[in-house]
């Protein structure tokens, strides 16, 4: 599903179920040994997706451990991103020689909890969301904005190893072309001043993705 909004050079694996045969490496198991079943299922299936993508790239399977900010740490020469929400898990990988960075996110196509939009959206973005909701009410644009900013952060962090707050990225969303653009107000060496991404709303989900070619 998510592959439809990603460019050539990426390999996407997603699933709507938790495969019963999915297993973790011992070092991954240690991370979720005390977690509730929901967290274990998300963690395990997302890594199952990642290893399926590794195989499609001709790579040997390998553990995917979280870094200091929870970001997935990939084998040398690979870039990638993981996402999961209720009923959906996905991983996208690519060779670093082809893709510089990638960020994906999945969310339910439902409004954000009351009061959260004001936390994640700049005033101009809040006005944009109101306009989009009036013209295209079948998409939860506030949730899409949140998802797109998550994808922005996931694409940004591997390039900079720096935190990016919601207010550090100002988004514009095109409801017709299925694209969005993020303008960053935070700068860092070797990082772009913005990102272009794509979005999809289908099957009760909102998906967003960013991939920057090397």
C-alpha atoms as a PDB file:
ATOM      1  CA  UNK A   1       0.000   0.000   0.000  1.00  0.00           C
ATOM      2  CA  UNK A   2       2.616   2.541   1.048  1.00  0.00           C
ATOM      3  CA  UNK A   3       4.793   1.696  -1.957  1.00  0.00           C
ATOM      4  CA  UNK A   4       2.369   3.702  -4.115  1.00  0.00           C
ATOM      5  CA  UNK A   5       3.645   6.972  -2.606  1.00  0.00           C
ATOM      6  CA  UNK A   6       7.352   6.102  -2.657  1.00  0.00           C
ATOM      7  CA  UNK A   7       9.864   6.506  -5.506  1.00  0.00           C
ATOM      8  CA  UNK A   8      11.986   3.968  -7.308  1.00  0.00           C
ATOM      9  CA  UNK A   9      14.974   2.880  -5.311  1.00  0.00           C
ATOM     10  CA  UNK A  10      12.935   2.114  -2.204  1.00  0.00           C
ATOM     11  CA  UNK A  11      11.581  -1.253  -1.094  1.00  0.00           C
ATOM     12  CA  UNK A  12       8.394  -1.227   0.986  1.00  0.00           C
ATOM     13  CA  UNK A  13       6.839  -4.084   2.933  1.00  0.00           C
ATOM     14  CA  UNK A  14       3.589  -3.587   4.820  1.00  0.00           C
ATOM     15  CA  UNK A  15       0.942  -5.780   6.408  1.00  0.00           C
ATOM     16  CA  UNK A  16      -2.463  -5.524   8.041  1.00  0.00           C
ATOM     17  CA  UNK A  17      -1.878  -8.575  10.258  1.00  0.00           C
ATOM     18  CA  UNK A  18       0.800  -9.777  12.657  1.00  0.00           C
ATOM     19  CA  UNK A  19       2.408 -12.871  11.051  1.00  0.00           C
ATOM     20  CA  UNK A  20       2.347 -15.740  13.560  1.00  0.00           C
ATOM     21  CA  UNK A  21       5.853 -16.810  12.527  1.00  0.00           C
ATOM     22  CA  UNK A  22       7.507 -13.446  13.118  1.00  0.00           C
ATOM     23  CA  UNK A  23      10.440 -13.700  15.522  1.00  0.00           C
ATOM     24  CA  UNK A  24      12.894 -11.314  17.153  1.00  0.00           C
ATOM     25  CA  UNK A  25      16.631 -11.553  17.625  1.00  0.00           C
ATOM     26  CA  UNK A  26      17.730 -11.957  21.228  1.00  0.00           C
ATOM     27  CA  UNK A  27      18.912  -8.347  21.486  1.00  0.00           C
ATOM     28  CA  UNK A  28      15.576  -7.126  20.112  1.00  0.00           C
ATOM     29  CA  UNK A  29      13.678  -9.415  22.473  1.00  0.00           C
ATOM     30  CA  UNK A  30      15.478  -7.832  25.414  1.00  0.00           C
ATOM     31  CA  UNK A  31      14.056  -4.436  24.477  1.00  0.00           C
ATOM     32  CA  UNK A  32      10.407  -5.548  24.667  1.00  0.00           C
ATOM     33  CA  UNK A  33      10.692  -8.351  27.205  1.00  0.00           C
ATOM     34  CA  UNK A  34       8.522  -6.436  29.684  1.00  0.00           C
ATOM     35  CA  UNK A  35       6.225  -4.747  27.174  1.00  0.00           C
ATOM     36  CA  UNK A  36       2.487  -5.294  26.865  1.00  0.00           C
ATOM     37  CA  UNK A  37       1.234  -7.522  24.027  1.00  0.00           C
ATOM     38  CA  UNK A  38       0.239  -4.586  21.796  1.00  0.00           C
ATOM     39  CA  UNK A  39       3.716  -3.066  21.953  1.00  0.00           C
ATOM     40  CA  UNK A  40       5.377  -6.443  21.359  1.00  0.00           C
ATOM     41  CA  UNK A  41       3.211  -7.118  18.311  1.00  0.00           C
ATOM     42  CA  UNK A  42       3.957  -3.703  16.783  1.00  0.00           C
ATOM     43  CA  UNK A  43       7.677  -4.011  17.447  1.00  0.00           C
ATOM     44  CA  UNK A  44       7.925  -7.586  16.183  1.00  0.00           C
ATOM     45  CA  UNK A  45       5.903  -7.162  12.997  1.00  0.00           C
ATOM     46  CA  UNK A  46       7.625  -3.919  12.044  1.00  0.00           C
ATOM     47  CA  UNK A  47      10.958  -5.742  12.243  1.00  0.00           C
ATOM     48  CA  UNK A  48       9.510  -8.662  10.285  1.00  0.00           C
ATOM     49  CA  UNK A  49       8.629  -6.135   7.571  1.00  0.00           C
ATOM     50  CA  UNK A  50      12.135  -4.683   7.733  1.00  0.00           C
ATOM     51  CA  UNK A  51      13.768  -8.069   7.284  1.00  0.00           C
ATOM     52  CA  UNK A  52      11.490  -8.865   4.340  1.00  0.00           C
ATOM     53  CA  UNK A  53      12.681  -5.603   2.774  1.00  0.00           C
ATOM     54  CA  UNK A  54      16.322  -6.507   3.493  1.00  0.00           C
ATOM     55  CA  UNK A  55      15.828  -9.783   1.653  1.00  0.00           C
ATOM     56  CA  UNK A  56      14.332  -7.997  -1.357  1.00  0.00           C
ATOM     57  CA  UNK A  57      17.444  -5.816  -1.445  1.00  0.00           C
ATOM     58  CA  UNK A  58      19.625  -8.905  -1.401  1.00  0.00           C
ATOM     59  CA  UNK A  59      20.763  -8.266   2.163  1.00  0.00           C
ATOM     60  CA  UNK A  60      21.109 -10.785   4.960  1.00  0.00           C
ATOM     61  CA  UNK A  61      18.572 -10.423   7.803  1.00  0.00           C
ATOM     62  CA  UNK A  62      19.823  -8.393  10.741  1.00  0.00           C
ATOM     63  CA  UNK A  63      18.508  -7.027  14.047  1.00  0.00           C
ATOM     64  CA  UNK A  64      17.047  -3.523  14.037  1.00  0.00           C
ATOM     65  CA  UNK A  65      17.735  -1.890  17.380  1.00  0.00           C
ATOM     66  CA  UNK A  66      16.518   1.538  18.479  1.00  0.00           C
ATOM     67  CA  UNK A  67      18.988   4.394  18.822  1.00  0.00           C
ATOM     68  CA  UNK A  68      19.122   7.088  21.483  1.00  0.00           C
ATOM     69  CA  UNK A  69      15.938   8.768  20.243  1.00  0.00           C
ATOM     70  CA  UNK A  70      14.182   5.504  19.408  1.00  0.00           C
ATOM     71  CA  UNK A  71      15.141   5.685  15.742  1.00  0.00           C
ATOM     72  CA  UNK A  72      15.804   2.342  14.006  1.00  0.00           C
ATOM     73  CA  UNK A  73      19.495   1.639  13.438  1.00  0.00           C
ATOM     74  CA  UNK A  74      20.048   0.022  10.063  1.00  0.00           C
ATOM     75  CA  UNK A  75      22.868  -2.188   8.769  1.00  0.00           C
ATOM     76  CA  UNK A  76      25.706  -0.293   7.093  1.00  0.00           C
ATOM     77  CA  UNK A  77      24.785   0.994   3.665  1.00  0.00           C
ATOM     78  CA  UNK A  78      21.027   1.021   4.248  1.00  0.00           C
ATOM     79  CA  UNK A  79      18.561   3.753   5.097  1.00  0.00           C
ATOM     80  CA  UNK A  80      14.998   3.161   6.165  1.00  0.00           C
ATOM     81  CA  UNK A  81      11.969   3.971   8.241  1.00  0.00           C
ATOM     82  CA  UNK A  82       9.383   2.038  10.251  1.00  0.00           C
ATOM     83  CA  UNK A  83       5.812   2.860  11.197  1.00  0.00           C
ATOM     84  CA  UNK A  84       2.891   1.136  12.860  1.00  0.00           C
ATOM     85  CA  UNK A  85      -0.601   1.938  14.053  1.00  0.00           C
ATOM     86  CA  UNK A  86      -3.685  -0.103  14.879  1.00  0.00           C
ATOM     87  CA  UNK A  87      -4.052  -2.745  12.162  1.00  0.00           C
ATOM     88  CA  UNK A  88      -1.087  -1.667  10.037  1.00  0.00           C
ATOM     89  CA  UNK A  89       2.709  -2.039  10.094  1.00  0.00           C
ATOM     90  CA  UNK A  90       5.270  -1.054   7.458  1.00  0.00           C
ATOM     91  CA  UNK A  91       8.985  -0.724   6.796  1.00  0.00           C
ATOM     92  CA  UNK A  92      10.712   1.008   3.896  1.00  0.00           C
ATOM     93  CA  UNK A  93      14.387   0.438   3.108  1.00  0.00           C
ATOM     94  CA  UNK A  94      16.798   1.545   0.416  1.00  0.00           C
ATOM     95  CA  UNK A  95      20.454   1.450  -0.437  1.00  0.00           C
ATOM     96  CA  UNK A  96      22.143   4.599   0.838  1.00  0.00           C
ATOM     97  CA  UNK A  97      23.817   4.977  -2.542  1.00  0.00           C
ATOM     98  CA  UNK A  98      20.388   5.561  -4.098  1.00  0.00           C
ATOM     99  CA  UNK A  99      18.332   7.209  -1.340  1.00  0.00           C
ATOM    100  CA  UNK A 100      19.767   9.675   1.157  1.00  0.00           C
ATOM    101  CA  UNK A 101      16.996   9.464   3.724  1.00  0.00           C
ATOM    102  CA  UNK A 102      13.431   8.229   4.076  1.00  0.00           C
ATOM    103  CA  UNK A 103      10.609   8.850   6.542  1.00  0.00           C
ATOM    104  CA  UNK A 104       7.191   7.206   6.691  1.00  0.00           C
ATOM    105  CA  UNK A 105       4.223   7.368   9.022  1.00  0.00           C
ATOM    106  CA  UNK A 106       0.798   5.719   9.298  1.00  0.00           C
ATOM    107  CA  UNK A 107      -2.185   6.989  11.283  1.00  0.00           C
ATOM    108  CA  UNK A 108      -5.899   6.212  11.477  1.00  0.00           C
ATOM    109  CA  UNK A 109      -8.019   8.502   9.305  1.00  0.00           C
ATOM    110  CA  UNK A 110      -9.614  10.024  12.387  1.00  0.00           C
ATOM    111  CA  UNK A 111      -9.464  13.513  13.927  1.00  0.00           C
ATOM    112  CA  UNK A 112      -6.716  14.232  16.408  1.00  0.00           C
ATOM    113  CA  UNK A 113      -7.692  14.218  20.086  1.00  0.00           C
ATOM    114  CA  UNK A 114      -9.224  17.507  21.198  1.00  0.00           C
ATOM    115  CA  UNK A 115      -6.623  20.215  21.758  1.00  0.00           C
ATOM    116  CA  UNK A 116      -3.719  18.414  20.064  1.00  0.00           C
ATOM    117  CA  UNK A 117      -3.882  20.351  16.789  1.00  0.00           C
ATOM    118  CA  UNK A 118      -2.944  23.563  18.581  1.00  0.00           C
ATOM    119  CA  UNK A 119       0.130  21.766  19.932  1.00  0.00           C
ATOM    120  CA  UNK A 120       1.421  20.446  16.605  1.00  0.00           C
ATOM    121  CA  UNK A 121       0.244  23.104  14.127  1.00  0.00           C
ATOM    122  CA  UNK A 122       1.387  26.673  13.529  1.00  0.00           C
ATOM    123  CA  UNK A 123      -1.358  29.320  13.188  1.00  0.00           C
ATOM    124  CA  UNK A 124      -1.107  29.322   9.387  1.00  0.00           C
ATOM    125  CA  UNK A 125      -1.357  25.526   9.369  1.00  0.00           C
ATOM    126  CA  UNK A 126      -4.453  25.646  11.569  1.00  0.00           C
ATOM    127  CA  UNK A 127      -6.094  27.958   9.037  1.00  0.00           C
ATOM    128  CA  UNK A 128      -5.075  25.619   6.210  1.00  0.00           C
ATOM    129  CA  UNK A 129      -6.593  22.645   8.038  1.00  0.00           C
ATOM    130  CA  UNK A 130      -9.898  24.480   8.521  1.00  0.00           C
ATOM    131  CA  UNK A 131     -10.027  25.262   4.789  1.00  0.00           C
ATOM    132  CA  UNK A 132      -9.183  21.681   3.814  1.00  0.00           C
ATOM    133  CA  UNK A 133     -11.792  20.222   6.163  1.00  0.00           C
ATOM    134  CA  UNK A 134     -14.461  22.483   4.691  1.00  0.00           C
ATOM    135  CA  UNK A 135     -13.647  21.490   1.107  1.00  0.00           C
ATOM    136  CA  UNK A 136     -12.645  17.837   1.540  1.00  0.00           C
ATOM    137  CA  UNK A 137     -14.293  16.480   4.702  1.00  0.00           C
ATOM    138  CA  UNK A 138     -13.539  12.791   4.062  1.00  0.00           C
ATOM    139  CA  UNK A 139      -9.903  13.225   5.101  1.00  0.00           C
ATOM    140  CA  UNK A 140      -8.878  14.049   8.665  1.00  0.00           C
ATOM    141  CA  UNK A 141      -6.484  16.795   7.648  1.00  0.00           C
ATOM    142  CA  UNK A 142      -5.371  17.510  11.185  1.00  0.00           C
ATOM    143  CA  UNK A 143      -4.236  13.893  11.485  1.00  0.00           C
ATOM    144  CA  UNK A 144      -2.584  14.096   8.067  1.00  0.00           C
ATOM    145  CA  UNK A 145      -0.638  17.162   9.168  1.00  0.00           C
ATOM    146  CA  UNK A 146       0.503  15.310  12.279  1.00  0.00           C
ATOM    147  CA  UNK A 147       1.533  12.291  10.193  1.00  0.00           C
ATOM    148  CA  UNK A 148       3.426  14.403   7.670  1.00  0.00           C
ATOM    149  CA  UNK A 149       5.372  16.102  10.466  1.00  0.00           C
ATOM    150  CA  UNK A 150       6.256  12.678  11.858  1.00  0.00           C
ATOM    151  CA  UNK A 151       7.604  11.716   8.427  1.00  0.00           C
ATOM    152  CA  UNK A 152       9.552  14.967   8.292  1.00  0.00           C
ATOM    153  CA  UNK A 153      11.212  14.210  11.619  1.00  0.00           C
ATOM    154  CA  UNK A 154      12.040  10.640  10.586  1.00  0.00           C
ATOM    155  CA  UNK A 155      13.702  11.930   7.401  1.00  0.00           C
ATOM    156  CA  UNK A 156      15.489  14.763   9.237  1.00  0.00           C
ATOM    157  CA  UNK A 157      16.988  12.946  12.206  1.00  0.00           C
ATOM    158  CA  UNK A 158      19.261  10.485  10.339  1.00  0.00           C
ATOM    159  CA  UNK A 159      20.819  13.444   8.508  1.00  0.00           C
ATOM    160  CA  UNK A 160      21.382  15.625  11.546  1.00  0.00           C
ATOM    161  CA  UNK A 161      21.093  13.603  14.774  1.00  0.00           C
ATOM    162  CA  UNK A 162      19.159  16.623  16.084  1.00  0.00           C
ATOM    163  CA  UNK A 163      15.656  16.942  17.498  1.00  0.00           C
ATOM    164  CA  UNK A 164      13.031  18.700  15.380  1.00  0.00           C
ATOM    165  CA  UNK A 165       9.968  20.151  17.093  1.00  0.00           C
ATOM    166  CA  UNK A 166       6.562  20.415  15.455  1.00  0.00           C
ATOM    167  CA  UNK A 167       6.922  24.196  15.144  1.00  0.00           C
ATOM    168  CA  UNK A 168      10.255  23.827  13.303  1.00  0.00           C
ATOM    169  CA  UNK A 169       8.493  22.628  10.150  1.00  0.00           C
ATOM    170  CA  UNK A 170       5.735  24.556   8.367  1.00  0.00           C
ATOM    171  CA  UNK A 171       3.679  22.409   5.996  1.00  0.00           C
ATOM    172  CA  UNK A 172       1.539  23.043   2.977  1.00  0.00           C
ATOM    173  CA  UNK A 173      -0.717  20.224   1.771  1.00  0.00           C
ATOM    174  CA  UNK A 174      -2.153  19.788  -1.716  1.00  0.00           C
ATOM    175  CA  UNK A 175      -5.480  17.916  -1.489  1.00  0.00           C
ATOM    176  CA  UNK A 176      -5.586  17.125  -5.212  1.00  0.00           C
ATOM    177  CA  UNK A 177      -2.077  15.949  -6.073  1.00  0.00           C
ATOM    178  CA  UNK A 178      -1.565  13.982  -2.851  1.00  0.00           C
ATOM    179  CA  UNK A 179       1.607  15.870  -2.015  1.00  0.00           C
ATOM    180  CA  UNK A 180       2.897  18.062   0.784  1.00  0.00           C
ATOM    181  CA  UNK A 181       5.856  20.365   1.288  1.00  0.00           C
ATOM    182  CA  UNK A 182       7.664  21.101   4.535  1.00  0.00           C
ATOM    183  CA  UNK A 183       9.666  24.288   5.017  1.00  0.00           C
ATOM    184  CA  UNK A 184      12.120  23.989   7.897  1.00  0.00           C
ATOM    185  CA  UNK A 185      13.024  26.908  10.123  1.00  0.00           C
ATOM    186  CA  UNK A 186      15.766  24.910  11.859  1.00  0.00           C
ATOM    187  CA  UNK A 187      19.063  24.518  10.041  1.00  0.00           C
ATOM    188  CA  UNK A 188      21.798  21.937  10.344  1.00  0.00           C
ATOM    189  CA  UNK A 189      24.895  21.023   8.310  1.00  0.00           C
ATOM    190  CA  UNK A 190      24.208  18.691   5.364  1.00  0.00           C
ATOM    191  CA  UNK A 191      20.444  18.937   5.901  1.00  0.00           C
ATOM    192  CA  UNK A 192      17.943  20.349   3.400  1.00  0.00           C
ATOM    193  CA  UNK A 193      15.873  23.439   4.189  1.00  0.00           C
ATOM    194  CA  UNK A 194      12.740  21.488   3.386  1.00  0.00           C
ATOM    195  CA  UNK A 195      11.220  18.217   2.248  1.00  0.00           C
ATOM    196  CA  UNK A 196       8.712  17.218  -0.398  1.00  0.00           C
ATOM    197  CA  UNK A 197       6.456  14.285   0.429  1.00  0.00           C
ATOM    198  CA  UNK A 198       3.389  12.385  -0.665  1.00  0.00           C
ATOM    199  CA  UNK A 199       0.295  11.226   1.189  1.00  0.00           C
ATOM    200  CA  UNK A 200      -2.470   8.686   0.763  1.00  0.00           C
ATOM    201  CA  UNK A 201      -5.823   8.254   2.520  1.00  0.00           C
ATOM    202  CA  UNK A 202      -7.335   4.798   1.969  1.00  0.00           C
ATOM    203  CA  UNK A 203      -8.769   1.843   3.876  1.00  0.00           C
ATOM    204  CA  UNK A 204      -9.291   3.930   7.001  1.00  0.00           C
ATOM    205  CA  UNK A 205      -5.634   4.977   7.115  1.00  0.00           C
ATOM    206  CA  UNK A 206      -3.533   8.042   6.409  1.00  0.00           C
ATOM    207  CA  UNK A 207      -0.037   7.339   5.087  1.00  0.00           C
ATOM    208  CA  UNK A 208       2.722   9.886   4.521  1.00  0.00           C
ATOM    209  CA  UNK A 209       6.174   9.380   3.040  1.00  0.00           C
ATOM    210  CA  UNK A 210       9.332  11.306   2.248  1.00  0.00           C
ATOM    211  CA  UNK A 211      12.272   9.951   0.272  1.00  0.00           C
ATOM    212  CA  UNK A 212      15.273  12.056  -0.727  1.00  0.00           C
ATOM    213  CA  UNK A 213      17.429  10.736  -3.535  1.00  0.00           C
ATOM    214  CA  UNK A 214      21.161  10.581  -2.906  1.00  0.00           C
END
